[in-house]
PDB file of N, CA and C in Angstrom:
ATOM      1  N   MET A   1    -127.247 -74.060 140.865  1.00  0.00           N
ATOM      2  CA  MET A   1    -126.782 -75.380 140.490  1.00  0.00           C
ATOM      3  C   MET A   1    -125.826 -75.940 141.545  1.00  0.00           C
ATOM      4  N   LYS A   2    -124.922 -75.102 142.050  1.00  0.00           N
ATOM      5  CA  LYS A   2    -123.974 -75.554 143.068  1.00  0.00           C
ATOM      6  C   LYS A   2    -124.695 -75.941 144.357  1.00  0.00           C
ATOM      7  N   GLN A   3    -125.738 -75.170 144.696  1.00  0.00           N
ATOM      8  CA  GLN A   3    -126.493 -75.478 145.907  1.00  0.00           C
ATOM      9  C   GLN A   3    -127.177 -76.829 145.788  1.00  0.00           C
ATOM     10  N   MET A   4    -127.720 -77.123 144.623  1.00  0.00           N
ATOM     11  CA  MET A   4    -128.392 -78.399 144.382  1.00  0.00           C
ATOM     12  C   MET A   4    -127.388 -79.543 144.480  1.00  0.00           C
ATOM     13  N   ALA A   5    -126.215 -79.377 143.925  1.00  0.00           N
ATOM     14  CA  ALA A   5    -125.177 -80.406 143.982  1.00  0.00           C
ATOM     15  C   ALA A   5    -124.723 -80.644 145.422  1.00  0.00           C
ATOM     16  N   CYS A   6    -124.568 -79.560 146.184  1.00  0.00           N
ATOM     17  CA  CYS A   6    -124.178 -79.696 147.597  1.00  0.00           C
ATOM     18  C   CYS A   6    -125.261 -80.401 148.408  1.00  0.00           C
ATOM     19  N   MET A   7    -126.522 -80.090 148.137  1.00  0.00           N
ATOM     20  CA  MET A   7    -127.620 -80.718 148.846  1.00  0.00           C
ATOM     21  C   MET A   7    -127.699 -82.209 148.524  1.00  0.00           C
ATOM     22  N   LEU A   8    -127.530 -82.574 147.265  1.00  0.00           N
ATOM     23  CA  LEU A   8    -127.537 -83.982 146.877  1.00  0.00           C
ATOM     24  C   LEU A   8    -126.364 -84.736 147.492  1.00  0.00           C
ATOM     25  N   LEU A   9    -125.211 -84.107 147.551  1.00  0.00           N
ATOM     26  CA  LEU A   9    -124.048 -84.720 148.182  1.00  0.00           C
ATOM     27  C   LEU A   9    -124.293 -84.943 149.667  1.00  0.00           C
ATOM     28  N   ALA A  10    -124.859 -83.952 150.339  1.00  0.00           N
ATOM     29  CA  ALA A  10    -125.154 -84.076 151.773  1.00  0.00           C
ATOM     30  C   ALA A  10    -126.163 -85.184 152.027  1.00  0.00           C
ATOM     31  N   LEU A  11    -127.183 -85.288 151.188  1.00  0.00           N
ATOM     32  CA  LEU A  11    -128.179 -86.349 151.350  1.00  0.00           C
ATOM     33  C   LEU A  11    -127.588 -87.727 151.106  1.00  0.00           C
ATOM     34  N   SER A  12    -126.699 -87.841 150.129  1.00  0.00           N
ATOM     35  CA  SER A  12    -126.103 -89.148 149.847  1.00  0.00           C
ATOM     36  C   SER A  12    -125.156 -89.590 150.952  1.00  0.00           C
ATOM     37  N   VAL A  13    -124.512 -88.641 151.601  1.00  0.00           N
ATOM     38  CA  VAL A  13    -123.603 -88.971 152.699  1.00  0.00           C
ATOM     39  C   VAL A  13    -124.397 -89.444 153.920  1.00  0.00           C
ATOM     40  N   THR A  14    -125.597 -88.927 154.112  1.00  0.00           N
ATOM     41  CA  THR A  14    -126.417 -89.302 155.266  1.00  0.00           C
ATOM     42  C   THR A  14    -127.370 -90.443 154.932  1.00  0.00           C
ATOM     43  N   ALA A  15    -127.112 -91.167 153.868  1.00  0.00           N
ATOM     44  CA  ALA A  15    -128.000 -92.262 153.479  1.00  0.00           C
ATOM     45  C   ALA A  15    -128.009 -93.359 154.540  1.00  0.00           C
ATOM     46  N   CYS A  16    -129.117 -94.060 154.595  1.00  0.00           N
ATOM     47  CA  CYS A  16    -129.272 -95.137 155.569  1.00  0.00           C
ATOM     48  C   CYS A  16    -128.614 -96.410 155.059  1.00  0.00           C
ATOM     49  N   SER A  17    -128.139 -97.223 155.991  1.00  0.00           N
ATOM     50  CA  SER A  17    -127.591 -98.535 155.647  1.00  0.00           C
ATOM     51  C   SER A  17    -127.842 -99.469 156.816  1.00  0.00           C
ATOM     52  N   SER A  18    -127.897-100.762 156.529  1.00  0.00           N
ATOM     53  CA  SER A  18    -128.112-101.711 157.620  1.00  0.00           C
ATOM     54  C   SER A  18    -127.487-103.059 157.285  1.00  0.00           C
ATOM     55  N   VAL A  19    -127.138-103.777 158.354  1.00  0.00           N
ATOM     56  CA  VAL A  19    -126.656-105.149 158.255  1.00  0.00           C
ATOM     57  C   VAL A  19    -127.576-105.969 159.144  1.00  0.00           C
ATOM     58  N   THR A  20    -128.229-106.978 158.562  1.00  0.00           N
ATOM     59  CA  THR A  20    -129.181-107.797 159.300  1.00  0.00           C
ATOM     60  C   THR A  20    -128.660-109.218 159.382  1.00  0.00           C
ATOM     61  N   ILE A  21    -128.721-109.787 160.586  1.00  0.00           N
ATOM     62  CA  ILE A  21    -128.288-111.159 160.808  1.00  0.00           C
ATOM     63  C   ILE A  21    -129.489-111.956 161.295  1.00  0.00           C
ATOM     64  N   VAL A  22    -129.788-113.040 160.593  1.00  0.00           N
ATOM     65  CA  VAL A  22    -130.856-113.957 160.980  1.00  0.00           C
ATOM     66  C   VAL A  22    -130.178-115.288 161.295  1.00  0.00           C
ATOM     67  N   PRO A  23    -130.067-115.653 162.602  1.00  0.00           N
ATOM     68  CA  PRO A  23    -129.315-116.857 162.979  1.00  0.00           C
ATOM     69  C   PRO A  23    -129.827-118.155 162.359  1.00  0.00           C
ATOM     70  N   GLU A  24    -131.130-118.289 162.199  1.00  0.00           N
ATOM     71  CA  GLU A  24    -131.681-119.502 161.608  1.00  0.00           C
ATOM     72  C   GLU A  24    -132.254-119.183 160.244  1.00  0.00           C
ATOM     73  N   LYS A  25    -131.869-119.954 159.253  1.00  0.00           N
ATOM     74  CA  LYS A  25    -132.277-119.685 157.868  1.00  0.00           C
ATOM     75  C   LYS A  25    -133.782-119.836 157.652  1.00  0.00           C
ATOM     76  N   THR A  26    -134.485-120.457 158.586  1.00  0.00           N
ATOM     77  CA  THR A  26    -135.920-120.681 158.416  1.00  0.00           C
ATOM     78  C   THR A  26    -136.740-119.421 158.654  1.00  0.00           C
ATOM     79  N   THR A  27    -136.134-118.392 159.224  1.00  0.00           N
ATOM     80  CA  THR A  27    -136.837-117.157 159.537  1.00  0.00           C
ATOM     81  C   THR A  27    -136.588-116.127 158.442  1.00  0.00           C
ATOM     82  N   ASN A  28    -137.672-115.476 157.992  1.00  0.00           N
ATOM     83  CA  ASN A  28    -137.538-114.375 157.036  1.00  0.00           C
ATOM     84  C   ASN A  28    -137.185-113.099 157.788  1.00  0.00           C
ATOM     85  N   LYS A  29    -136.663-112.118 157.074  1.00  0.00           N
ATOM     86  CA  LYS A  29    -136.312-110.841 157.693  1.00  0.00           C
ATOM     87  C   LYS A  29    -137.570-110.202 158.280  1.00  0.00           C
ATOM     88  N   LEU A  30    -137.492-109.811 159.549  1.00  0.00           N
ATOM     89  CA  LEU A  30    -138.629-109.234 160.246  1.00  0.00           C
ATOM     90  C   LEU A  30    -138.717-107.734 160.012  1.00  0.00           C
ATOM     91  N   ALA A  31    -139.935-107.236 159.918  1.00  0.00           N
ATOM     92  CA  ALA A  31    -140.153-105.798 159.773  1.00  0.00           C
ATOM     93  C   ALA A  31    -140.938-105.252 160.969  1.00  0.00           C
ATOM     94  N   THR A  32    -141.151-106.083 161.987  1.00  0.00           N
ATOM     95  CA  THR A  32    -141.894-105.661 163.168  1.00  0.00           C
ATOM     96  C   THR A  32    -141.000-104.833 164.086  1.00  0.00           C
ATOM     97  N   LYS A  33    -141.615-104.256 165.129  1.00  0.00           N
ATOM     98  CA  LYS A  33    -140.860-103.450 166.090  1.00  0.00           C
ATOM     99  C   LYS A  33    -139.890-104.352 166.863  1.00  0.00           C
ATOM    100  N   ALA A  34    -138.677-103.911 167.015  1.00  0.00           N
ATOM    101  CA  ALA A  34    -137.644-104.695 167.711  1.00  0.00           C
ATOM    102  C   ALA A  34    -137.924-104.727 169.211  1.00  0.00           C
ATOM    103  N   ASP A  35    -137.496-105.817 169.854  1.00  0.00           N
ATOM    104  CA  ASP A  35    -137.626-105.940 171.305  1.00  0.00           C
ATOM    105  C   ASP A  35    -136.616-105.051 172.024  1.00  0.00           C
ATOM    106  N   TYR A  36    -135.504-104.750 171.353  1.00  0.00           N
ATOM    107  CA  TYR A  36    -134.444-103.921 171.935  1.00  0.00           C
ATOM    108  C   TYR A  36    -133.917-102.998 170.851  1.00  0.00           C
ATOM    109  N   GLN A  37    -133.731-101.741 171.198  1.00  0.00           N
ATOM    110  CA  GLN A  37    -133.145-100.781 170.265  1.00  0.00           C
ATOM    111  C   GLN A  37    -132.329 -99.777 171.056  1.00  0.00           C
ATOM    112  N   ASP A  38    -131.115 -99.503 170.579  1.00  0.00           N
ATOM    113  CA  ASP A  38    -130.235 -98.565 171.265  1.00  0.00           C
ATOM    114  C   ASP A  38    -129.272 -97.955 170.253  1.00  0.00           C
ATOM    115  N   SER A  39    -128.868 -96.735 170.495  1.00  0.00           N
ATOM    116  CA  SER A  39    -127.874 -96.069 169.662  1.00  0.00           C
ATOM    117  C   SER A  39    -126.512 -96.263 170.319  1.00  0.00           C
ATOM    118  N   ARG A  40    -125.542 -96.721 169.547  1.00  0.00           N
ATOM    119  CA  ARG A  40    -124.201 -96.984 170.061  1.00  0.00           C
ATOM    120  C   ARG A  40    -123.195 -96.032 169.425  1.00  0.00           C
ATOM    121  N   PRO A  41    -122.235 -95.512 170.219  1.00  0.00           N
ATOM    122  CA  PRO A  41    -121.282 -94.536 169.690  1.00  0.00           C
ATOM    123  C   PRO A  41    -120.140 -95.185 168.905  1.00  0.00           C
ATOM    124  N   PHE A  42    -119.850 -94.627 167.770  1.00  0.00           N
ATOM    125  CA  PHE A  42    -118.669 -94.973 166.982  1.00  0.00           C
ATOM    126  C   PHE A  42    -118.003 -93.667 166.585  1.00  0.00           C
ATOM    127  N   PHE A  43    -116.735 -93.739 166.259  1.00  0.00           N
ATOM    128  CA  PHE A  43    -115.974 -92.539 165.940  1.00  0.00           C
ATOM    129  C   PHE A  43    -115.166 -92.750 164.670  1.00  0.00           C
ATOM    130  N   LEU A  44    -114.740 -91.661 164.064  1.00  0.00           N
ATOM    131  CA  LEU A  44    -113.925 -91.670 162.840  1.00  0.00           C
ATOM    132  C   LEU A  44    -114.565 -92.532 161.752  1.00  0.00           C
ATOM    133  N   TRP A  45    -115.767 -92.121 161.353  1.00  0.00           N
ATOM    134  CA  TRP A  45    -116.539 -92.753 160.285  1.00  0.00           C
ATOM    135  C   TRP A  45    -116.885 -94.210 160.595  1.00  0.00           C
ATOM    136  N   GLY A  46    -116.969 -94.559 161.864  1.00  0.00           N
ATOM    137  CA  GLY A  46    -117.326 -95.917 162.262  1.00  0.00           C
ATOM    138  C   GLY A  46    -116.150 -96.862 162.376  1.00  0.00           C
ATOM    139  N   LEU A  47    -114.934 -96.351 162.199  1.00  0.00           N
ATOM    140  CA  LEU A  47    -113.749 -97.205 162.259  1.00  0.00           C
ATOM    141  C   LEU A  47    -113.289 -97.473 163.684  1.00  0.00           C
ATOM    142  N   VAL A  48    -113.624 -96.591 164.611  1.00  0.00           N
ATOM    143  CA  VAL A  48    -113.186 -96.725 165.996  1.00  0.00           C
ATOM    144  C   VAL A  48    -114.417 -96.920 166.880  1.00  0.00           C
ATOM    145  N   GLY A  49    -114.339 -97.914 167.726  1.00  0.00           N
ATOM    146  CA  GLY A  49    -115.431 -98.189 168.652  1.00  0.00           C
ATOM    147  C   GLY A  49    -115.956 -99.586 168.451  1.00  0.00           C
ATOM    148  N   GLU A  50    -115.778-100.402 169.433  1.00  0.00           N
ATOM    149  CA  GLU A  50    -116.298-101.760 169.363  1.00  0.00           C
ATOM    150  C   GLU A  50    -117.419-101.869 170.380  1.00  0.00           C
ATOM    151  N   GLU A  51    -118.593-102.121 169.910  1.00  0.00           N
ATOM    152  CA  GLU A  51    -119.757-102.219 170.780  1.00  0.00           C
ATOM    153  C   GLU A  51    -120.291-103.640 170.732  1.00  0.00           C
ATOM    154  N   ARG A  52    -120.558-104.197 171.890  1.00  0.00           N
ATOM    155  CA  ARG A  52    -121.130-105.541 171.984  1.00  0.00           C
ATOM    156  C   ARG A  52    -122.495-105.459 172.639  1.00  0.00           C
ATOM    157  N   VAL A  53    -123.389-106.297 172.166  1.00  0.00           N
ATOM    158  CA  VAL A  53    -124.737-106.362 172.711  1.00  0.00           C
ATOM    159  C   VAL A  53    -124.938-107.773 173.248  1.00  0.00           C
ATOM    160  N   ASP A  54    -125.317-107.885 174.509  1.00  0.00           N
ATOM    161  CA  ASP A  54    -125.547-109.190 175.136  1.00  0.00           C
ATOM    162  C   ASP A  54    -126.972-109.638 174.825  1.00  0.00           C
ATOM    163  N   VAL A  55    -127.135-110.370 173.726  1.00  0.00           N
ATOM    164  CA  VAL A  55    -128.468-110.790 173.299  1.00  0.00           C
ATOM    165  C   VAL A  55    -129.079-111.802 174.264  1.00  0.00           C
ATOM    166  N   LYS A  56    -128.261-112.546 174.978  1.00  0.00           N
ATOM    167  CA  LYS A  56    -128.792-113.488 175.976  1.00  0.00           C
ATOM    168  C   LYS A  56    -129.454-112.737 177.122  1.00  0.00           C
ATOM    169  N   ALA A  57    -128.892-111.622 177.528  1.00  0.00           N
ATOM    170  CA  ALA A  57    -129.502-110.812 178.592  1.00  0.00           C
ATOM    171  C   ALA A  57    -130.778-110.137 178.094  1.00  0.00           C
ATOM    172  N   ILE A  58    -130.824-109.788 176.828  1.00  0.00           N
ATOM    173  CA  ILE A  58    -132.000-109.127 176.272  1.00  0.00           C
ATOM    174  C   ILE A  58    -133.154-110.112 176.107  1.00  0.00           C
ATOM    175  N   CYS A  59    -132.892-111.257 175.491  1.00  0.00           N
ATOM    176  CA  CYS A  59    -133.960-112.220 175.196  1.00  0.00           C
ATOM    177  C   CYS A  59    -134.168-113.246 176.312  1.00  0.00           C
ATOM    178  N   GLN A  60    -133.231-113.362 177.224  1.00  0.00           N
ATOM    179  CA  GLN A  60    -133.272-114.312 178.339  1.00  0.00           C
ATOM    180  C   GLN A  60    -133.479-115.733 177.827  1.00  0.00           C
ATOM    181  N   GLU A  61    -134.599-116.388 178.138  1.00  0.00           N
ATOM    182  CA  GLU A  61    -134.793-117.786 177.719  1.00  0.00           C
ATOM    183  C   GLU A  61    -135.265-117.919 176.271  1.00  0.00           C
ATOM    184  N   LYS A  62    -135.697-116.827 175.679  1.00  0.00           N
ATOM    185  CA  LYS A  62    -136.200-116.861 174.301  1.00  0.00           C
ATOM    186  C   LYS A  62    -135.037-116.939 173.311  1.00  0.00           C
ATOM    187  N   LYS A  63    -135.330-117.422 172.120  1.00  0.00           N
ATOM    188  CA  LYS A  63    -134.327-117.466 171.061  1.00  0.00           C
ATOM    189  C   LYS A  63    -134.217-116.099 170.396  1.00  0.00           C
ATOM    190  N   VAL A  64    -133.032-115.774 169.952  1.00  0.00           N
ATOM    191  CA  VAL A  64    -132.812-114.556 169.165  1.00  0.00           C
ATOM    192  C   VAL A  64    -133.156-114.896 167.721  1.00  0.00           C
ATOM    193  N   VAL A  65    -134.099-114.151 167.134  1.00  0.00           N
ATOM    194  CA  VAL A  65    -134.505-114.450 165.763  1.00  0.00           C
ATOM    195  C   VAL A  65    -133.915-113.485 164.739  1.00  0.00           C
ATOM    196  N   GLN A  66    -133.454-112.296 165.197  1.00  0.00           N
ATOM    197  CA  GLN A  66    -132.848-111.346 164.261  1.00  0.00           C
ATOM    198  C   GLN A  66    -132.074-110.280 165.022  1.00  0.00           C
ATOM    199  N   MET A  67    -130.942-109.858 164.433  1.00  0.00           N
ATOM    200  CA  MET A  67    -130.133-108.762 164.965  1.00  0.00           C
ATOM    201  C   MET A  67    -129.832-107.819 163.807  1.00  0.00           C
ATOM    202  N   GLN A  68    -129.712-106.526 164.123  1.00  0.00           N
ATOM    203  CA  GLN A  68    -129.462-105.562 163.052  1.00  0.00           C
ATOM    204  C   GLN A  68    -128.633-104.393 163.568  1.00  0.00           C
ATOM    205  N   SER A  69    -127.651-104.003 162.763  1.00  0.00           N
ATOM    206  CA  SER A  69    -126.901-102.770 162.991  1.00  0.00           C
ATOM    207  C   SER A  69    -127.277-101.848 161.857  1.00  0.00           C
ATOM    208  N   GLN A  70    -127.742-100.649 162.209  1.00  0.00           N
ATOM    209  CA  GLN A  70    -128.310 -99.762 161.208  1.00  0.00           C
ATOM    210  C   GLN A  70    -127.790 -98.344 161.392  1.00  0.00           C
ATOM    211  N   GLN A  71    -127.487 -97.713 160.281  1.00  0.00           N
ATOM    212  CA  GLN A  71    -127.193 -96.287 160.331  1.00  0.00           C
ATOM    213  C   GLN A  71    -128.439 -95.588 159.828  1.00  0.00           C
ATOM    214  N   THR A  72    -129.191 -94.998 160.744  1.00  0.00           N
ATOM    215  CA  THR A  72    -130.414 -94.299 160.386  1.00  0.00           C
ATOM    216  C   THR A  72    -130.070 -92.935 159.787  1.00  0.00           C
ATOM    217  N   PHE A  73    -131.091 -92.256 159.296  1.00  0.00           N
ATOM    218  CA  PHE A  73    -130.871 -90.915 158.744  1.00  0.00           C
ATOM    219  C   PHE A  73    -130.300 -89.994 159.815  1.00  0.00           C
ATOM    220  N   ALA A  74    -130.851 -90.105 161.043  1.00  0.00           N
ATOM    221  CA  ALA A  74    -130.369 -89.257 162.145  1.00  0.00           C
ATOM    222  C   ALA A  74    -128.913 -89.573 162.476  1.00  0.00           C
ATOM    223  N   ASP A  75    -128.554 -90.870 162.476  1.00  0.00           N
ATOM    224  CA  ASP A  75    -127.161 -91.257 162.722  1.00  0.00           C
ATOM    225  C   ASP A  75    -126.240 -90.670 161.658  1.00  0.00           C
ATOM    226  N   GLY A  76    -126.669 -90.775 160.396  1.00  0.00           N
ATOM    227  CA  GLY A  76    -125.874 -90.231 159.297  1.00  0.00           C
ATOM    228  C   GLY A  76    -125.752 -88.716 159.355  1.00  0.00           C
ATOM    229  N   ALA A  77    -126.844 -88.062 159.777  1.00  0.00           N
ATOM    230  CA  ALA A  77    -126.811 -86.602 159.896  1.00  0.00           C
ATOM    231  C   ALA A  77    -125.831 -86.168 160.983  1.00  0.00           C
ATOM    232  N   LEU A  78    -125.815 -86.895 162.108  1.00  0.00           N
ATOM    233  CA  LEU A  78    -124.837 -86.585 163.170  1.00  0.00           C
ATOM    234  C   LEU A  78    -123.410 -86.782 162.675  1.00  0.00           C
ATOM    235  N   GLY A  79    -123.194 -87.850 161.915  1.00  0.00           N
ATOM    236  CA  GLY A  79    -121.874 -88.078 161.338  1.00  0.00           C
ATOM    237  C   GLY A  79    -121.470 -86.981 160.376  1.00  0.00           C
ATOM    238  N   LEU A  80    -122.440 -86.479 159.611  1.00  0.00           N
ATOM    239  CA  LEU A  80    -122.159 -85.405 158.662  1.00  0.00           C
ATOM    240  C   LEU A  80    -121.819 -84.102 159.388  1.00  0.00           C
ATOM    241  N   VAL A  81    -122.600 -83.765 160.401  1.00  0.00           N
ATOM    242  CA  VAL A  81    -122.388 -82.527 161.152  1.00  0.00           C
ATOM    243  C   VAL A  81    -121.035 -82.535 161.858  1.00  0.00           C
ATOM    244  N   THR A  82    -120.621 -83.690 162.362  1.00  0.00           N
ATOM    245  CA  THR A  82    -119.339 -83.773 163.071  1.00  0.00           C
ATOM    246  C   THR A  82    -118.190 -84.170 162.142  1.00  0.00           C
ATOM    247  N   LEU A  83    -118.453 -84.185 160.855  1.00  0.00           N
ATOM    248  CA  LEU A  83    -117.455 -84.556 159.840  1.00  0.00           C
ATOM    249  C   LEU A  83    -116.885 -85.950 160.078  1.00  0.00           C
ATOM    250  N   GLY A  84    -117.730 -86.862 160.579  1.00  0.00           N
ATOM    251  CA  GLY A  84    -117.322 -88.252 160.783  1.00  0.00           C
ATOM    252  C   GLY A  84    -116.623 -88.527 162.097  1.00  0.00           C
ATOM    253  N   ILE A  85    -116.394 -87.493 162.884  1.00  0.00           N
ATOM    254  CA  ILE A  85    -115.724 -87.713 164.171  1.00  0.00           C
ATOM    255  C   ILE A  85    -116.611 -88.568 165.072  1.00  0.00           C
ATOM    256  N   TYR A  86    -117.904 -88.272 165.106  1.00  0.00           N
ATOM    257  CA  TYR A  86    -118.875 -89.063 165.859  1.00  0.00           C
ATOM    258  C   TYR A  86    -119.849 -89.654 164.854  1.00  0.00           C
ATOM    259  N   ALA A  87    -119.933 -90.974 164.778  1.00  0.00           N
ATOM    260  CA  ALA A  87    -120.780 -91.640 163.786  1.00  0.00           C
ATOM    261  C   ALA A  87    -121.558 -92.781 164.444  1.00  0.00           C
ATOM    262  N   PRO A  88    -122.656 -92.470 165.134  1.00  0.00           N
ATOM    263  CA  PRO A  88    -123.392 -93.516 165.848  1.00  0.00           C
ATOM    264  C   PRO A  88    -124.094 -94.493 164.914  1.00  0.00           C
ATOM    265  N   HIS A  89    -124.378 -95.687 165.432  1.00  0.00           N
ATOM    266  CA  HIS A  89    -125.177 -96.692 164.743  1.00  0.00           C
ATOM    267  C   HIS A  89    -126.264 -97.157 165.692  1.00  0.00           C
ATOM    268  N   THR A  90    -127.403 -97.506 165.146  1.00  0.00           N
ATOM    269  CA  THR A  90    -128.509 -98.016 165.934  1.00  0.00           C
ATOM    270  C   THR A  90    -128.482 -99.540 165.886  1.00  0.00           C
ATOM    271  N   VAL A  91    -128.619-100.162 167.060  1.00  0.00           N
ATOM    272  CA  VAL A  91    -128.599-101.616 167.185  1.00  0.00           C
ATOM    273  C   VAL A  91    -130.003-102.086 167.561  1.00  0.00           C
ATOM    274  N   LYS A  92    -130.470-103.141 166.884  1.00  0.00           N
ATOM    275  CA  LYS A  92    -131.798-103.702 167.169  1.00  0.00           C
ATOM    276  C   LYS A  92    -131.693-105.215 167.353  1.00  0.00           C
ATOM    277  N   VAL A  93    -132.533-105.753 168.258  1.00  0.00           N
ATOM    278  CA  VAL A  93    -132.581-107.197 168.506  1.00  0.00           C
ATOM    279  C   VAL A  93    -134.044-107.616 168.572  1.00  0.00           C
ATOM    280  N   TRP A  94    -134.373-108.713 167.882  1.00  0.00           N
ATOM    281  CA  TRP A  94    -135.708-109.294 167.941  1.00  0.00           C
ATOM    282  C   TRP A  94    -135.608-110.653 168.626  1.00  0.00           C
ATOM    283  N   CYS A  95    -136.508-110.897 169.568  1.00  0.00           N
ATOM    284  CA  CYS A  95    -136.575-112.172 170.279  1.00  0.00           C
ATOM    285  C   CYS A  95    -137.794-112.956 169.801  1.00  0.00           C
ATOM    286  N   GLU A  96    -137.749-114.267 170.019  1.00  0.00           N
ATOM    287  CA  GLU A  96    -138.888-115.119 169.683  1.00  0.00           C
ATOM    288  C   GLU A  96    -140.103-114.652 170.489  1.00  0.00           C
ATOM    289  N   GLN A  97    -141.239-114.584 169.846  1.00  0.00           N
ATOM    290  CA  GLN A  97    -142.437-114.064 170.494  1.00  0.00           C
ATOM    291  C   GLN A  97    -143.138-115.126 171.332  1.00  0.00           C
ATOM    292  N   GLN A  98    -143.750-114.702 172.433  1.00  0.00           N
ATOM    293  CA  GLN A  98    -144.495-115.582 173.322  1.00  0.00           C
ATOM    294  C   GLN A  98    -145.716-116.170 172.616  1.00  0.00           C
ATOM    295  N   ALA A  99    -146.299-115.453 171.668  1.00  0.00           N
ATOM    296  CA  ALA A  99    -147.513-115.925 170.987  1.00  0.00           C
ATOM    297  C   ALA A  99    -147.264-117.244 170.284  1.00  0.00           C
ATOM    298  N   GLN A 100    -146.060-117.444 169.759  1.00  0.00           N
ATOM    299  CA  GLN A 100    -145.729-118.701 169.088  1.00  0.00           C
ATOM    300  C   GLN A 100    -145.750-119.855 170.077  1.00  0.00           C
ATOM    301  N   GLU A 101    -145.282-119.605 171.302  1.00  0.00           N
ATOM    302  CA  GLU A 101    -145.254-120.653 172.316  1.00  0.00           C
ATOM    303  C   GLU A 101    -146.648-120.954 172.834  1.00  0.00           C
ATOM    304  N   GLN A 102    -147.550-119.952 172.894  1.00  0.00           N
ATOM    305  CA  GLN A 102    -148.892-120.157 173.392  1.00  0.00           C
ATOM    306  C   GLN A 102    -149.748-120.950 172.409  1.00  0.00           C
ATOM    307  N   GLN A 103    -149.418-120.911 171.142  1.00  0.00           N
ATOM    308  CA  GLN A 103    -150.199-121.643 170.131  1.00  0.00           C
ATOM    309  C   GLN A 103    -149.977-123.140 170.250  1.00  0.00           C
ATOM    310  N   LEU A 104    -148.872-123.577 170.835  1.00  0.00           N
ATOM    311  CA  LEU A 104    -148.569-125.011 170.942  1.00  0.00           C
ATOM    312  C   LEU A 104    -149.406-125.708 171.952  1.00  0.00           C
TER     313      LEU A 104
END
């Protein structure tokens, strides 16, 4: 019983979470593959570490249609193993697709 409780606690601590920003309200949340994805370091349960992503450099002339900061299962597992000392987050950026421009 104790082992089951410990396993459930460990799984709940490594749960996934995400914050999604859609700059224009006309766009629905995208589920396609992101144009940019990177893991960024944070420390002390995510309280220390300020990471900035230059979306203009990523999308260049295209519009940014969605940004997301996500704690994946792997990120949460690393945070659990290090007791929160190292707690990375995954950053994703979606740019406007060329196919939309070609249809015009």
